[in-house]
């Protein structure tokens, strides 16, 4: 059956919460899978991503207009979440990739407050729970493992199919080594 209404993120998460077991929870996530949902869940659960905002409550005025009227939506705003987070560079322990280095902390915090005030109250609460890493406390069964399994991500939150495609497309470079050295390095892992 084709749905004409695309649910808001907190509505999707409520459906995950109400699903009886893990396979049904993963089915709900797959059904509503979009790039925006993936980005949102990535910043909510990936331990290599940190929020560049102060911990604790955010002083914002919740939007009290009914849902679906004059709001921005997380599905549209998820593309801008990189302004508020930084990601650990893969394979390092202290090198961070920052979404936008041109924004100072005060501006970043003001942009986040404006984002929250533009969202419906349910989606704003959902974003705050992602920021505080408490999304799994409100929505039972919505956790890092369920998300990784639903989207076929590995433990580094990378899409396994995409990693294999990129590996197949990249020609092997010898970096000036002899063929036997390359064979030896591949044999040892």
Protein backbone atom coordinates (compact mmCIF):
# COMPACT_ATOMS: atom_id res chain seq x y z
CA UNK A 1 0.00 0.00 0.00
CA UNK A 2 1.32 3.42 -0.97
CA UNK A 3 1.42 6.09 1.71
CA UNK A 4 0.85 9.70 0.71
CA UNK A 5 1.98 11.09 4.05
CA UNK A 6 5.64 11.04 5.02
CA UNK A 7 5.83 10.90 8.81
CA UNK A 8 8.00 13.23 10.85
CA UNK A 9 11.09 11.72 12.47
CA UNK A 10 9.55 11.49 15.93
CA UNK A 11 6.55 9.70 14.40
CA UNK A 12 8.88 7.18 12.73
CA UNK A 13 10.67 6.64 16.04
CA UNK A 14 7.33 6.13 17.81
CA UNK A 15 6.55 3.41 15.26
CA UNK A 16 9.94 1.83 16.02
CA UNK A 17 9.14 2.04 19.73
CA UNK A 18 5.75 0.37 19.19
CA UNK A 19 7.13 -2.46 17.04
CA UNK A 20 7.17 -5.71 18.99
CA UNK A 21 10.59 -7.12 18.15
CA UNK A 22 13.92 -6.14 16.59
CA UNK A 23 13.16 -7.39 13.03
CA UNK A 24 9.96 -5.29 12.98
CA UNK A 25 11.84 -2.27 14.34
CA UNK A 26 14.43 -2.65 11.56
CA UNK A 27 11.62 -3.03 9.01
CA UNK A 28 10.15 0.32 10.09
CA UNK A 29 13.55 2.02 9.76
CA UNK A 30 14.07 0.51 6.30
CA UNK A 31 10.57 1.51 5.18
CA UNK A 32 11.17 5.18 5.95
CA UNK A 33 14.87 5.19 5.04
CA UNK A 34 16.01 8.46 3.51
CA UNK A 35 19.38 10.16 3.39
CA UNK A 36 18.10 12.68 5.94
CA UNK A 37 17.03 9.93 8.37
CA UNK A 38 20.40 8.22 7.96
CA UNK A 39 22.24 11.50 8.64
CA UNK A 40 20.13 12.17 11.71
CA UNK A 41 20.64 8.69 13.16
CA UNK A 42 24.34 8.92 12.34
CA UNK A 43 24.79 12.04 14.49
CA UNK A 44 22.55 10.55 17.17
CA UNK A 45 24.42 7.26 17.61
CA UNK A 46 27.88 7.32 16.01
CA UNK A 47 30.45 7.58 18.84
CA UNK A 48 32.97 9.17 16.44
CA UNK A 49 30.68 12.20 16.05
CA UNK A 50 30.55 14.82 18.80
CA UNK A 51 28.19 17.75 19.12
CA UNK A 52 29.95 21.13 19.28
CA UNK A 53 27.25 22.57 21.53
CA UNK A 54 27.18 22.96 25.31
CA UNK A 55 25.81 20.00 27.23
CA UNK A 56 22.47 20.23 28.97
CA UNK A 57 19.27 22.14 28.27
CA UNK A 58 19.00 24.58 25.39
CA UNK A 59 17.17 27.87 26.09
CA UNK A 60 14.66 27.94 23.24
CA UNK A 61 10.96 28.74 22.89
CA UNK A 62 9.09 25.62 21.71
CA UNK A 63 6.96 26.18 18.63
CA UNK A 64 3.35 25.73 19.70
CA UNK A 65 1.75 25.76 16.24
CA UNK A 66 0.09 22.47 15.23
CA UNK A 67 2.34 19.92 13.53
CA UNK A 68 2.40 20.17 9.77
CA UNK A 69 1.83 23.93 9.68
CA UNK A 70 4.52 26.53 9.03
CA UNK A 71 7.35 24.43 10.44
CA UNK A 72 10.64 23.43 9.05
CA UNK A 73 11.10 19.67 9.28
CA UNK A 74 14.07 17.53 10.28
CA UNK A 75 13.90 15.75 6.94
CA UNK A 76 14.79 19.12 5.35
CA UNK A 77 17.14 20.35 8.07
CA UNK A 78 19.20 17.13 8.41
CA UNK A 79 21.49 18.32 5.63
CA UNK A 80 22.59 21.18 7.91
CA UNK A 81 23.45 19.08 10.97
CA UNK A 82 27.12 19.21 9.98
CA UNK A 83 27.21 22.78 11.32
CA UNK A 84 26.74 21.46 14.86
CA UNK A 85 28.98 18.38 14.94
CA UNK A 86 32.53 17.28 14.39
CA UNK A 87 33.68 13.84 13.30
CA UNK A 88 36.76 11.93 14.28
CA UNK A 89 38.90 11.29 11.20
CA UNK A 90 38.85 7.54 10.53
CA UNK A 91 41.97 5.84 11.84
CA UNK A 92 43.01 8.66 14.20
CA UNK A 93 42.35 9.39 17.85
CA UNK A 94 42.65 13.17 17.95
CA UNK A 95 42.11 14.58 14.44
CA UNK A 96 38.63 16.06 13.91
CA UNK A 97 36.79 17.01 10.76
CA UNK A 98 34.61 20.03 11.54
CA UNK A 99 31.56 20.70 9.39
CA UNK A 100 32.05 24.46 9.05
CA UNK A 101 35.13 26.08 10.56
CA UNK A 102 33.93 29.60 9.68
CA UNK A 103 31.23 29.59 12.38
CA UNK A 104 32.20 30.58 15.93
CA UNK A 105 30.64 28.90 18.95
CA UNK A 106 28.20 31.74 19.75
CA UNK A 107 26.89 31.78 16.17
CA UNK A 108 26.61 27.97 16.12
CA UNK A 109 24.56 28.00 19.34
CA UNK A 110 22.27 30.75 18.00
CA UNK A 111 21.73 28.81 14.76
CA UNK A 112 20.84 25.70 16.77
CA UNK A 113 18.30 27.63 18.87
CA UNK A 114 16.75 29.04 15.68
CA UNK A 115 16.60 25.52 14.22
CA UNK A 116 14.82 24.20 17.33
CA UNK A 117 12.34 27.08 17.33
CA UNK A 118 11.49 26.42 13.67
CA UNK A 119 10.75 22.72 14.22
CA UNK A 120 7.55 21.30 15.63
CA UNK A 121 7.77 20.56 19.33
CA UNK A 122 8.05 16.81 18.75
CA UNK A 123 10.88 17.11 16.27
CA UNK A 124 12.70 19.70 18.41
CA UNK A 125 12.58 17.29 21.37
CA UNK A 126 13.82 14.52 19.10
CA UNK A 127 16.80 16.66 18.01
CA UNK A 128 17.61 17.56 21.61
CA UNK A 129 17.55 13.88 22.56
CA UNK A 130 19.95 13.14 19.70
CA UNK A 131 22.24 15.94 20.90
CA UNK A 132 22.16 14.63 24.46
CA UNK A 133 22.54 11.00 23.25
CA UNK A 134 19.29 9.97 24.97
CA UNK A 135 17.19 9.06 21.93
CA UNK A 136 17.28 5.38 22.92
CA UNK A 137 15.83 6.19 26.36
CA UNK A 138 12.64 7.68 24.93
CA UNK A 139 12.23 5.24 22.04
CA UNK A 140 12.73 1.66 23.19
CA UNK A 141 14.66 -0.44 20.69
CA UNK A 142 16.02 2.56 18.77
CA UNK A 143 19.72 2.14 19.45
CA UNK A 144 23.02 2.01 17.60
CA UNK A 145 22.91 -1.75 16.98
CA UNK A 146 19.39 -1.69 15.55
CA UNK A 147 20.24 1.25 13.29
CA UNK A 148 23.48 -0.35 12.06
CA UNK A 149 21.73 -3.63 11.27
CA UNK A 150 18.75 -1.94 9.60
CA UNK A 151 20.98 0.09 7.27
CA UNK A 152 23.72 -2.56 6.79
CA UNK A 153 26.38 -0.38 8.40
CA UNK A 154 29.50 -1.78 10.01
CA UNK A 155 30.73 -0.91 13.51
CA UNK A 156 32.16 2.37 12.12
CA UNK A 157 28.71 3.36 10.77
CA UNK A 158 29.87 2.84 7.18
CA UNK A 159 27.69 1.29 4.48
CA UNK A 160 29.30 -2.08 3.71
CA UNK A 161 28.09 -2.12 0.09
CA UNK A 162 29.48 1.35 -0.56
CA UNK A 163 32.84 0.45 1.00
CA UNK A 164 33.10 -2.64 -1.23
CA UNK A 165 32.16 -0.63 -4.34
CA UNK A 166 34.82 1.97 -3.61
CA UNK A 167 37.40 -0.71 -2.95
CA UNK A 168 36.61 -2.36 -6.29
CA UNK A 169 36.82 0.96 -8.17
CA UNK A 170 40.15 2.06 -6.72
CA UNK A 171 43.15 0.66 -8.57
CA UNK A 172 45.85 -0.81 -6.36
CA UNK A 173 48.82 1.54 -6.07
CA UNK A 174 52.24 0.12 -5.49
CA UNK A 175 53.73 3.26 -3.90
CA UNK A 176 57.11 2.32 -5.34
CA UNK A 177 57.19 -1.11 -3.73
CA UNK A 178 58.16 -4.31 -5.45
CA UNK A 179 55.39 -6.80 -6.36
CA UNK A 180 56.67 -9.31 -3.79
CA UNK A 181 56.51 -6.62 -1.07
CA UNK A 182 52.90 -5.88 -2.02
CA UNK A 183 52.04 -9.58 -1.99
CA UNK A 184 53.73 -9.97 1.42
CA UNK A 185 51.81 -7.02 2.93
CA UNK A 186 48.50 -8.38 1.62
CA UNK A 187 49.25 -11.84 2.97
CA UNK A 188 49.86 -10.53 6.49
CA UNK A 189 46.81 -8.26 6.53
